[in-house]
Amino acid sequence: MPRRDGVDDDWHEDEEGFEPGDDDTDLEDDDDEEEPTVPCPYCRRQIYEDAQRCPYCENYISAEDAPTQGSVASQKPLWFVVGMLLCLFIVILWIIGSR
């Protein structure tokens, strides 16, 4: 194809990348690839392999993903409880003393 005078063309046929005649048909193949699935250990329905929780039965897949309930980690530390009680005691004395 003849070049027009004064036009700087950055694309050359010998460069890698888009080739003449390429179209978007290759992009459709990427959509066909899905994430691998495995059966849920509780309800046996197919879920994504990297899912933390089953969308059907809503159970956590592993114990590491499940939130801690009633464990020591969810309780307040002793120093926090003592500090809150001390603050409450000081506020009560301040209210009683200002009357």
PDB file of N, CA and C in Angstrom:
ATOM      1  N   MET A   1       0.847  -1.166   0.000  1.00  0.00           N
ATOM      2  CA  MET A   1       0.000   0.000   0.000  1.00  0.00           C
ATOM      3  C   MET A   1       0.895   1.232   0.000  1.00  0.00           C
ATOM      4  N   PRO A   2       0.659   2.134  -0.903  1.00  0.00           N
ATOM      5  CA  PRO A   2       1.514   3.320  -0.987  1.00  0.00           C
ATOM      6  C   PRO A   2       1.283   4.237   0.200  1.00  0.00           C
ATOM      7  N   ARG A   3       2.378   4.852   0.667  1.00  0.00           N
ATOM      8  CA  ARG A   3       2.305   5.771   1.801  1.00  0.00           C
ATOM      9  C   ARG A   3       2.000   7.157   1.306  1.00  0.00           C
ATOM     10  N   ARG A   4       1.187   7.862   2.102  1.00  0.00           N
ATOM     11  CA  ARG A   4       0.917   9.258   1.779  1.00  0.00           C
ATOM     12  C   ARG A   4       2.063  10.107   2.292  1.00  0.00           C
ATOM     13  N   ASP A   5       2.357  11.136   1.611  1.00  0.00           N
ATOM     14  CA  ASP A   5       3.438  12.024   2.028  1.00  0.00           C
ATOM     15  C   ASP A   5       3.058  12.749   3.312  1.00  0.00           C
ATOM     16  N   GLY A   6       4.012  12.847   4.242  1.00  0.00           N
ATOM     17  CA  GLY A   6       3.818  13.595   5.472  1.00  0.00           C
ATOM     18  C   GLY A   6       3.092  12.815   6.567  1.00  0.00           C
ATOM     19  N   VAL A   7       2.733  11.572   6.312  1.00  0.00           N
ATOM     20  CA  VAL A   7       2.030  10.779   7.324  1.00  0.00           C
ATOM     21  C   VAL A   7       3.029   9.835   7.963  1.00  0.00           C
ATOM     22  N   ASP A   8       3.149   9.936   9.291  1.00  0.00           N
ATOM     23  CA  ASP A   8       4.046   9.040  10.020  1.00  0.00           C
ATOM     24  C   ASP A   8       3.219   7.866  10.511  1.00  0.00           C
ATOM     25  N   ASP A   9       3.441   6.718   9.947  1.00  0.00           N
ATOM     26  CA  ASP A   9       2.665   5.544  10.300  1.00  0.00           C
ATOM     27  C   ASP A   9       3.441   4.716  11.311  1.00  0.00           C
ATOM     28  N   ASP A  10       2.887   4.556  12.557  1.00  0.00           N
ATOM     29  CA  ASP A  10       3.565   3.814  13.615  1.00  0.00           C
ATOM     30  C   ASP A  10       3.437   2.310  13.443  1.00  0.00           C
ATOM     31  N   TRP A  11       2.455   1.834  12.716  1.00  0.00           N
ATOM     32  CA  TRP A  11       2.209   0.409  12.582  1.00  0.00           C
ATOM     33  C   TRP A  11       2.882  -0.118  11.328  1.00  0.00           C
ATOM     34  N   HIS A  12       3.591  -1.211  11.496  1.00  0.00           N
ATOM     35  CA  HIS A  12       4.240  -1.860  10.370  1.00  0.00           C
ATOM     36  C   HIS A  12       3.859  -3.323  10.384  1.00  0.00           C
ATOM     37  N   GLU A  13       3.765  -3.913   9.228  1.00  0.00           N
ATOM     38  CA  GLU A  13       3.330  -5.297   9.131  1.00  0.00           C
ATOM     39  C   GLU A  13       4.311  -6.267   9.773  1.00  0.00           C
ATOM     40  N   ASP A  14       5.578  -5.893   9.859  1.00  0.00           N
ATOM     41  CA  ASP A  14       6.548  -6.824  10.405  1.00  0.00           C
ATOM     42  C   ASP A  14       6.584  -6.815  11.930  1.00  0.00           C
ATOM     43  N   GLU A  15       5.887  -5.870  12.580  1.00  0.00           N
ATOM     44  CA  GLU A  15       5.849  -5.835  14.040  1.00  0.00           C
ATOM     45  C   GLU A  15       4.912  -6.909  14.566  1.00  0.00           C
ATOM     46  N   GLU A  16       5.191  -7.390  15.789  1.00  0.00           N
ATOM     47  CA  GLU A  16       4.316  -8.376  16.417  1.00  0.00           C
ATOM     48  C   GLU A  16       3.064  -7.687  16.926  1.00  0.00           C
ATOM     49  N   GLY A  17       2.027  -8.443  17.136  1.00  0.00           N
ATOM     50  CA  GLY A  17       0.788  -7.887  17.657  1.00  0.00           C
ATOM     51  C   GLY A  17      -0.322  -8.093  16.659  1.00  0.00           C
ATOM     52  N   PHE A  18      -1.047  -7.061  16.379  1.00  0.00           N
ATOM     53  CA  PHE A  18      -2.189  -7.144  15.486  1.00  0.00           C
ATOM     54  C   PHE A  18      -1.712  -7.343  14.057  1.00  0.00           C
ATOM     55  N   GLU A  19      -2.223  -8.353  13.449  1.00  0.00           N
ATOM     56  CA  GLU A  19      -1.881  -8.646  12.058  1.00  0.00           C
ATOM     57  C   GLU A  19      -3.085  -8.335  11.186  1.00  0.00           C
ATOM     58  N   PRO A  20      -2.868  -7.928   9.955  1.00  0.00           N
ATOM     59  CA  PRO A  20      -4.003  -7.704   9.062  1.00  0.00           C
ATOM     60  C   PRO A  20      -4.810  -8.988   8.922  1.00  0.00           C
ATOM     61  N   GLY A  21      -6.120  -8.864   9.015  1.00  0.00           N
ATOM     62  CA  GLY A  21      -6.983 -10.025   8.915  1.00  0.00           C
ATOM     63  C   GLY A  21      -7.387 -10.579  10.270  1.00  0.00           C
ATOM     64  N   ASP A  22      -6.718 -10.131  11.346  1.00  0.00           N
ATOM     65  CA  ASP A  22      -7.126 -10.572  12.682  1.00  0.00           C
ATOM     66  C   ASP A  22      -8.469  -9.949  13.010  1.00  0.00           C
ATOM     67  N   ASP A  23      -9.268 -10.676  13.742  1.00  0.00           N
ATOM     68  CA  ASP A  23     -10.534 -10.129  14.208  1.00  0.00           C
ATOM     69  C   ASP A  23     -10.771 -10.571  15.645  1.00  0.00           C
ATOM     70  N   ASP A  24     -11.941 -10.310  16.171  1.00  0.00           N
ATOM     71  CA  ASP A  24     -12.231 -10.582  17.581  1.00  0.00           C
ATOM     72  C   ASP A  24     -12.711 -12.002  17.834  1.00  0.00           C
ATOM     73  N   THR A  25     -12.573 -12.918  16.894  1.00  0.00           N
ATOM     74  CA  THR A  25     -13.069 -14.273  17.106  1.00  0.00           C
ATOM     75  C   THR A  25     -12.275 -14.996  18.174  1.00  0.00           C
ATOM     76  N   ASP A  26     -11.010 -14.625  18.388  1.00  0.00           N
ATOM     77  CA  ASP A  26     -10.210 -15.274  19.428  1.00  0.00           C
ATOM     78  C   ASP A  26     -10.708 -14.931  20.823  1.00  0.00           C
ATOM     79  N   LEU A  27     -11.332 -13.773  20.985  1.00  0.00           N
ATOM     80  CA  LEU A  27     -11.821 -13.358  22.294  1.00  0.00           C
ATOM     81  C   LEU A  27     -12.994 -14.219  22.743  1.00  0.00           C
ATOM     82  N   GLU A  28     -13.765 -14.743  21.816  1.00  0.00           N
ATOM     83  CA  GLU A  28     -14.907 -15.570  22.177  1.00  0.00           C
ATOM     84  C   GLU A  28     -14.462 -16.868  22.825  1.00  0.00           C
ATOM     85  N   ASP A  29     -13.294 -17.383  22.462  1.00  0.00           N
ATOM     86  CA  ASP A  29     -12.800 -18.624  23.037  1.00  0.00           C
ATOM     87  C   ASP A  29     -12.481 -18.461  24.520  1.00  0.00           C
ATOM     88  N   ASP A  30     -12.057 -17.262  24.943  1.00  0.00           N
ATOM     89  CA  ASP A  30     -11.719 -17.031  26.346  1.00  0.00           C
ATOM     90  C   ASP A  30     -12.950 -17.109  27.241  1.00  0.00           C
ATOM     91  N   ASP A  31     -14.129 -16.721  26.707  1.00  0.00           N
ATOM     92  CA  ASP A  31     -15.347 -16.757  27.506  1.00  0.00           C
ATOM     93  C   ASP A  31     -15.812 -18.186  27.763  1.00  0.00           C
ATOM     94  N   ASP A  32     -15.419 -19.125  26.895  1.00  0.00           N
ATOM     95  CA  ASP A  32     -15.851 -20.508  27.067  1.00  0.00           C
ATOM     96  C   ASP A  32     -15.148 -21.179  28.239  1.00  0.00           C
ATOM     97  N   GLU A  33     -13.978 -20.692  28.620  1.00  0.00           N
ATOM     98  CA  GLU A  33     -13.238 -21.286  29.725  1.00  0.00           C
ATOM     99  C   GLU A  33     -13.866 -20.835  31.040  1.00  0.00           C
ATOM    100  N   GLU A  34     -14.298 -21.790  31.837  1.00  0.00           N
ATOM    101  CA  GLU A  34     -14.897 -21.477  33.121  1.00  0.00           C
ATOM    102  C   GLU A  34     -13.960 -21.907  34.237  1.00  0.00           C
ATOM    103  N   GLU A  35     -14.202 -21.364  35.415  1.00  0.00           N
ATOM    104  CA  GLU A  35     -13.408 -21.763  36.569  1.00  0.00           C
ATOM    105  C   GLU A  35     -13.743 -23.208  36.919  1.00  0.00           C
ATOM    106  N   PRO A  36     -12.777 -23.961  37.422  1.00  0.00           N
ATOM    107  CA  PRO A  36     -13.054 -25.350  37.787  1.00  0.00           C
ATOM    108  C   PRO A  36     -14.013 -25.421  38.973  1.00  0.00           C
ATOM    109  N   THR A  37     -14.860 -26.428  38.963  1.00  0.00           N
ATOM    110  CA  THR A  37     -15.822 -26.596  40.046  1.00  0.00           C
ATOM    111  C   THR A  37     -15.583 -27.912  40.765  1.00  0.00           C
ATOM    112  N   VAL A  38     -16.025 -27.950  42.003  1.00  0.00           N
ATOM    113  CA  VAL A  38     -15.941 -29.150  42.847  1.00  0.00           C
ATOM    114  C   VAL A  38     -17.277 -29.293  43.569  1.00  0.00           C
ATOM    115  N   PRO A  39     -17.616 -30.483  44.036  1.00  0.00           N
ATOM    116  CA  PRO A  39     -18.862 -30.627  44.790  1.00  0.00           C
ATOM    117  C   PRO A  39     -18.715 -30.085  46.211  1.00  0.00           C
ATOM    118  N   CYS A  40     -19.761 -29.442  46.688  1.00  0.00           N
ATOM    119  CA  CYS A  40     -19.782 -28.948  48.065  1.00  0.00           C
ATOM    120  C   CYS A  40     -19.761 -30.149  49.007  1.00  0.00           C
ATOM    121  N   PRO A  41     -18.959 -30.121  50.075  1.00  0.00           N
ATOM    122  CA  PRO A  41     -18.911 -31.273  50.987  1.00  0.00           C
ATOM    123  C   PRO A  41     -20.204 -31.461  51.784  1.00  0.00           C
ATOM    124  N   TYR A  42     -21.103 -30.471  51.777  1.00  0.00           N
ATOM    125  CA  TYR A  42     -22.331 -30.563  52.555  1.00  0.00           C
ATOM    126  C   TYR A  42     -23.547 -30.902  51.693  1.00  0.00           C
ATOM    127  N   CYS A  43     -23.766 -30.130  50.609  1.00  0.00           N
ATOM    128  CA  CYS A  43     -24.963 -30.352  49.798  1.00  0.00           C
ATOM    129  C   CYS A  43     -24.656 -31.045  48.468  1.00  0.00           C
ATOM    130  N   ARG A  44     -23.396 -31.245  48.145  1.00  0.00           N
ATOM    131  CA  ARG A  44     -22.912 -31.947  46.950  1.00  0.00           C
ATOM    132  C   ARG A  44     -23.217 -31.213  45.636  1.00  0.00           C
ATOM    133  N   ARG A  45     -23.635 -29.964  45.668  1.00  0.00           N
ATOM    134  CA  ARG A  45     -23.827 -29.190  44.442  1.00  0.00           C
ATOM    135  C   ARG A  45     -22.478 -28.673  43.970  1.00  0.00           C
ATOM    136  N   GLN A  46     -22.365 -28.397  42.679  1.00  0.00           N
ATOM    137  CA  GLN A  46     -21.116 -27.915  42.105  1.00  0.00           C
ATOM    138  C   GLN A  46     -20.907 -26.446  42.468  1.00  0.00           C
ATOM    139  N   ILE A  47     -19.746 -26.140  43.041  1.00  0.00           N
ATOM    140  CA  ILE A  47     -19.381 -24.770  43.398  1.00  0.00           C
ATOM    141  C   ILE A  47     -17.994 -24.497  42.843  1.00  0.00           C
ATOM    142  N   TYR A  48     -17.625 -23.219  42.765  1.00  0.00           N
ATOM    143  CA  TYR A  48     -16.291 -22.868  42.289  1.00  0.00           C
ATOM    144  C   TYR A  48     -15.241 -23.398  43.253  1.00  0.00           C
ATOM    145  N   GLU A  49     -14.140 -23.809  42.700  1.00  0.00           N
ATOM    146  CA  GLU A  49     -13.083 -24.440  43.491  1.00  0.00           C
ATOM    147  C   GLU A  49     -12.500 -23.499  44.550  1.00  0.00           C
ATOM    148  N   ASP A  50     -12.440 -22.202  44.244  1.00  0.00           N
ATOM    149  CA  ASP A  50     -11.844 -21.255  45.188  1.00  0.00           C
ATOM    150  C   ASP A  50     -12.888 -20.564  46.077  1.00  0.00           C
ATOM    151  N   ALA A  51     -14.124 -21.056  46.091  1.00  0.00           N
ATOM    152  CA  ALA A  51     -15.177 -20.456  46.917  1.00  0.00           C
ATOM    153  C   ALA A  51     -14.905 -20.727  48.389  1.00  0.00           C
ATOM    154  N   GLN A  52     -15.161 -19.728  49.218  1.00  0.00           N
ATOM    155  CA  GLN A  52     -14.999 -19.891  50.663  1.00  0.00           C
ATOM    156  C   GLN A  52     -16.278 -20.414  51.293  1.00  0.00           C
ATOM    157  N   ARG A  53     -17.412 -20.149  50.636  1.00  0.00           N
ATOM    158  CA  ARG A  53     -18.709 -20.506  51.189  1.00  0.00           C
ATOM    159  C   ARG A  53     -19.602 -21.008  50.060  1.00  0.00           C
ATOM    160  N   CYS A  54     -20.402 -22.015  50.319  1.00  0.00           N
ATOM    161  CA  CYS A  54     -21.312 -22.552  49.310  1.00  0.00           C
ATOM    162  C   CYS A  54     -22.476 -21.584  49.114  1.00  0.00           C
ATOM    163  N   PRO A  55     -22.770 -21.184  47.877  1.00  0.00           N
ATOM    164  CA  PRO A  55     -23.882 -20.250  47.662  1.00  0.00           C
ATOM    165  C   PRO A  55     -25.253 -20.908  47.840  1.00  0.00           C
ATOM    166  N   TYR A  56     -25.309 -22.223  47.877  1.00  0.00           N
ATOM    167  CA  TYR A  56     -26.587 -22.927  47.996  1.00  0.00           C
ATOM    168  C   TYR A  56     -26.942 -23.211  49.451  1.00  0.00           C
ATOM    169  N   CYS A  57     -26.066 -23.909  50.170  1.00  0.00           N
ATOM    170  CA  CYS A  57     -26.358 -24.254  51.567  1.00  0.00           C
ATOM    171  C   CYS A  57     -25.745 -23.262  52.554  1.00  0.00           C
ATOM    172  N   GLU A  58     -24.905 -22.347  52.058  1.00  0.00           N
ATOM    173  CA  GLU A  58     -24.277 -21.266  52.827  1.00  0.00           C
ATOM    174  C   GLU A  58     -23.359 -21.752  53.944  1.00  0.00           C
ATOM    175  N   ASN A  59     -22.866 -22.986  53.846  1.00  0.00           N
ATOM    176  CA  ASN A  59     -21.873 -23.480  54.799  1.00  0.00           C
ATOM    177  C   ASN A  59     -20.486 -23.076  54.333  1.00  0.00           C
ATOM    178  N   TYR A  60     -19.601 -22.833  55.288  1.00  0.00           N
ATOM    179  CA  TYR A  60     -18.214 -22.552  54.950  1.00  0.00           C
ATOM    180  C   TYR A  60     -17.528 -23.847  54.547  1.00  0.00           C
ATOM    181  N   ILE A  61     -16.696 -23.779  53.541  1.00  0.00           N
ATOM    182  CA  ILE A  61     -16.062 -24.968  52.988  1.00  0.00           C
ATOM    183  C   ILE A  61     -14.992 -25.503  53.932  1.00  0.00           C
ATOM    184  N   SER A  62     -14.215 -24.610  54.547  1.00  0.00           N
ATOM    185  CA  SER A  62     -13.175 -25.060  55.468  1.00  0.00           C
ATOM    186  C   SER A  62     -13.296 -24.321  56.795  1.00  0.00           C
ATOM    187  N   ALA A  63     -12.703 -24.881  57.820  1.00  0.00           N
ATOM    188  CA  ALA A  63     -12.762 -24.269  59.147  1.00  0.00           C
ATOM    189  C   ALA A  63     -11.994 -22.955  59.186  1.00  0.00           C
ATOM    190  N   GLU A  64     -10.974 -22.804  58.336  1.00  0.00           N
ATOM    191  CA  GLU A  64     -10.197 -21.567  58.315  1.00  0.00           C
ATOM    192  C   GLU A  64     -11.021 -20.393  57.796  1.00  0.00           C
ATOM    193  N   ASP A  65     -11.991 -20.668  56.905  1.00  0.00           N
ATOM    194  CA  ASP A  65     -12.813 -19.604  56.331  1.00  0.00           C
ATOM    195  C   ASP A  65     -13.962 -19.201  57.247  1.00  0.00           C
ATOM    196  N   ALA A  66     -14.386 -20.094  58.128  1.00  0.00           N
ATOM    197  CA  ALA A  66     -15.528 -19.820  59.000  1.00  0.00           C
ATOM    198  C   ALA A  66     -15.161 -18.776  60.046  1.00  0.00           C
ATOM    199  N   PRO A  67     -16.080 -17.860  60.340  1.00  0.00           N
ATOM    200  CA  PRO A  67     -15.797 -16.884  61.399  1.00  0.00           C
ATOM    201  C   PRO A  67     -15.798 -17.552  62.762  1.00  0.00           C
ATOM    202  N   THR A  68     -15.006 -17.006  63.668  1.00  0.00           N
ATOM    203  CA  THR A  68     -14.940 -17.567  65.019  1.00  0.00           C
ATOM    204  C   THR A  68     -16.134 -17.053  65.816  1.00  0.00           C
ATOM    205  N   GLN A  69     -16.815 -17.957  66.492  1.00  0.00           N
ATOM    206  CA  GLN A  69     -17.962 -17.584  67.310  1.00  0.00           C
ATOM    207  C   GLN A  69     -17.777 -18.151  68.702  1.00  0.00           C
ATOM    208  N   GLY A  70     -17.804 -17.285  69.691  1.00  0.00           N
ATOM    209  CA  GLY A  70     -17.696 -17.740  71.065  1.00  0.00           C
ATOM    210  C   GLY A  70     -16.294 -18.152  71.466  1.00  0.00           C
ATOM    211  N   SER A  71     -15.326 -17.861  70.669  1.00  0.00           N
ATOM    212  CA  SER A  71     -13.960 -18.234  71.024  1.00  0.00           C
ATOM    213  C   SER A  71     -13.309 -17.093  71.795  1.00  0.00           C
ATOM    214  N   VAL A  72     -12.127 -17.335  72.273  1.00  0.00           N
ATOM    215  CA  VAL A  72     -11.388 -16.333  73.036  1.00  0.00           C
ATOM    216  C   VAL A  72     -11.094 -15.113  72.170  1.00  0.00           C
ATOM    217  N   ALA A  73     -10.912 -15.314  70.875  1.00  0.00           N
ATOM    218  CA  ALA A  73     -10.587 -14.206  69.977  1.00  0.00           C
ATOM    219  C   ALA A  73     -11.722 -13.200  69.879  1.00  0.00           C
ATOM    220  N   SER A  74     -12.982 -13.634  70.049  1.00  0.00           N
ATOM    221  CA  SER A  74     -14.101 -12.710  69.931  1.00  0.00           C
ATOM    222  C   SER A  74     -14.446 -12.040  71.255  1.00  0.00           C
ATOM    223  N   GLN A  75     -13.880 -12.486  72.377  1.00  0.00           N
ATOM    224  CA  GLN A  75     -14.143 -11.887  73.674  1.00  0.00           C
ATOM    225  C   GLN A  75     -13.222 -10.694  73.884  1.00  0.00           C
ATOM    226  N   LYS A  76     -13.683  -9.759  74.707  1.00  0.00           N
ATOM    227  CA  LYS A  76     -12.884  -8.584  75.030  1.00  0.00           C
ATOM    228  C   LYS A  76     -11.797  -8.972  76.026  1.00  0.00           C
ATOM    229  N   PRO A  77     -10.622  -8.370  75.913  1.00  0.00           N
ATOM    230  CA  PRO A  77      -9.556  -8.656  76.886  1.00  0.00           C
ATOM    231  C   PRO A  77      -9.933  -8.138  78.276  1.00  0.00           C
ATOM    232  N   LEU A  78      -9.346  -8.745  79.270  1.00  0.00           N
ATOM    233  CA  LEU A  78      -9.655  -8.412  80.665  1.00  0.00           C
ATOM    234  C   LEU A  78      -9.350  -6.950  80.970  1.00  0.00           C
ATOM    235  N   TRP A  79      -8.235  -6.410  80.475  1.00  0.00           N
ATOM    236  CA  TRP A  79      -7.876  -5.023  80.750  1.00  0.00           C
ATOM    237  C   TRP A  79      -8.918  -4.067  80.181  1.00  0.00           C
ATOM    238  N   PHE A  80      -9.541  -4.429  79.068  1.00  0.00           N
ATOM    239  CA  PHE A  80     -10.572  -3.580  78.465  1.00  0.00           C
ATOM    240  C   PHE A  80     -11.826  -3.549  79.341  1.00  0.00           C
ATOM    241  N   VAL A  81     -12.237  -4.716  79.838  1.00  0.00           N
ATOM    242  CA  VAL A  81     -13.432  -4.796  80.687  1.00  0.00           C
ATOM    243  C   VAL A  81     -13.201  -4.051  81.992  1.00  0.00           C
ATOM    244  N   VAL A  82     -12.023  -4.232  82.606  1.00  0.00           N
ATOM    245  CA  VAL A  82     -11.705  -3.538  83.859  1.00  0.00           C
ATOM    246  C   VAL A  82     -11.668  -2.026  83.629  1.00  0.00           C
ATOM    247  N   GLY A  83     -11.090  -1.585  82.537  1.00  0.00           N
ATOM    248  CA  GLY A  83     -11.027  -0.153  82.226  1.00  0.00           C
ATOM    249  C   GLY A  83     -12.404   0.452  82.018  1.00  0.00           C
ATOM    250  N   MET A  84     -13.286  -0.272  81.343  1.00  0.00           N
ATOM    251  CA  MET A  84     -14.649   0.226  81.132  1.00  0.00           C
ATOM    252  C   MET A  84     -15.418   0.319  82.456  1.00  0.00           C
ATOM    253  N   LEU A  85     -15.251  -0.679  83.312  1.00  0.00           N
ATOM    254  CA  LEU A  85     -15.918  -0.639  84.619  1.00  0.00           C
ATOM    255  C   LEU A  85     -15.389   0.516  85.469  1.00  0.00           C
ATOM    256  N   LEU A  86     -14.090   0.764  85.419  1.00  0.00           N
ATOM    257  CA  LEU A  86     -13.496   1.874  86.162  1.00  0.00           C
ATOM    258  C   LEU A  86     -14.026   3.216  85.650  1.00  0.00           C
ATOM    259  N   CYS A  87     -14.119   3.370  84.348  1.00  0.00           N
ATOM    260  CA  CYS A  87     -14.669   4.607  83.767  1.00  0.00           C
ATOM    261  C   CYS A  87     -16.130   4.798  84.168  1.00  0.00           C
ATOM    262  N   LEU A  88     -16.905   3.737  84.145  1.00  0.00           N
ATOM    263  CA  LEU A  88     -18.307   3.807  84.553  1.00  0.00           C
ATOM    264  C   LEU A  88     -18.423   4.201  86.019  1.00  0.00           C
ATOM    265  N   PHE A  89     -17.570   3.649  86.882  1.00  0.00           N
ATOM    266  CA  PHE A  89     -17.567   3.975  88.303  1.00  0.00           C
ATOM    267  C   PHE A  89     -17.230   5.456  88.514  1.00  0.00           C
ATOM    268  N   ILE A  90     -16.249   5.974  87.778  1.00  0.00           N
ATOM    269  CA  ILE A  90     -15.874   7.391  87.899  1.00  0.00           C
ATOM    270  C   ILE A  90     -17.011   8.292  87.457  1.00  0.00           C
ATOM    271  N   VAL A  91     -17.705   7.957  86.390  1.00  0.00           N
ATOM    272  CA  VAL A  91     -18.834   8.769  85.911  1.00  0.00           C
ATOM    273  C   VAL A  91     -19.954   8.765  86.934  1.00  0.00           C
ATOM    274  N   ILE A  92     -20.244   7.620  87.535  1.00  0.00           N
ATOM    275  CA  ILE A  92     -21.296   7.544  88.564  1.00  0.00           C
ATOM    276  C   ILE A  92     -20.921   8.403  89.762  1.00  0.00           C
ATOM    277  N   LEU A  93     -19.659   8.343  90.225  1.00  0.00           N
ATOM    278  CA  LEU A  93     -19.227   9.195  91.354  1.00  0.00           C
ATOM    279  C   LEU A  93     -19.309  10.675  90.988  1.00  0.00           C
ATOM    280  N   TRP A  94     -19.012  11.028  89.770  1.00  0.00           N
ATOM    281  CA  TRP A  94     -19.069  12.433  89.337  1.00  0.00           C
ATOM    282  C   TRP A  94     -20.501  12.927  89.322  1.00  0.00           C
ATOM    283  N   ILE A  95     -21.450  12.062  88.880  1.00  0.00           N
ATOM    284  CA  ILE A  95     -22.860  12.461  88.850  1.00  0.00           C
ATOM    285  C   ILE A  95     -23.391  12.601  90.278  1.00  0.00           C
ATOM    286  N   ILE A  96     -23.055  11.663  91.132  1.00  0.00           N
ATOM    287  CA  ILE A  96     -23.534  11.730  92.525  1.00  0.00           C
ATOM    288  C   ILE A  96     -22.902  12.913  93.240  1.00  0.00           C
ATOM    289  N   GLY A  97     -21.651  13.208  93.019  1.00  0.00           N
ATOM    290  CA  GLY A  97     -20.957  14.310  93.701  1.00  0.00           C
ATOM    291  C   GLY A  97     -21.393  15.689  93.223  1.00  0.00           C
ATOM    292  N   SER A  98     -21.970  15.798  92.047  1.00  0.00           N
ATOM    293  CA  SER A  98     -22.375  17.121  91.541  1.00  0.00           C
ATOM    294  C   SER A  98     -23.768  17.518  92.015  1.00  0.00           C
ATOM    295  N   ARG A  99     -24.476  16.699  92.729  1.00  0.00           N
ATOM    296  CA  ARG A  99     -25.816  17.036  93.211  1.00  0.00           C
ATOM    297  C   ARG A  99     -25.782  17.824  94.442  1.00  0.00           C
TER     298      ARG A  99
END
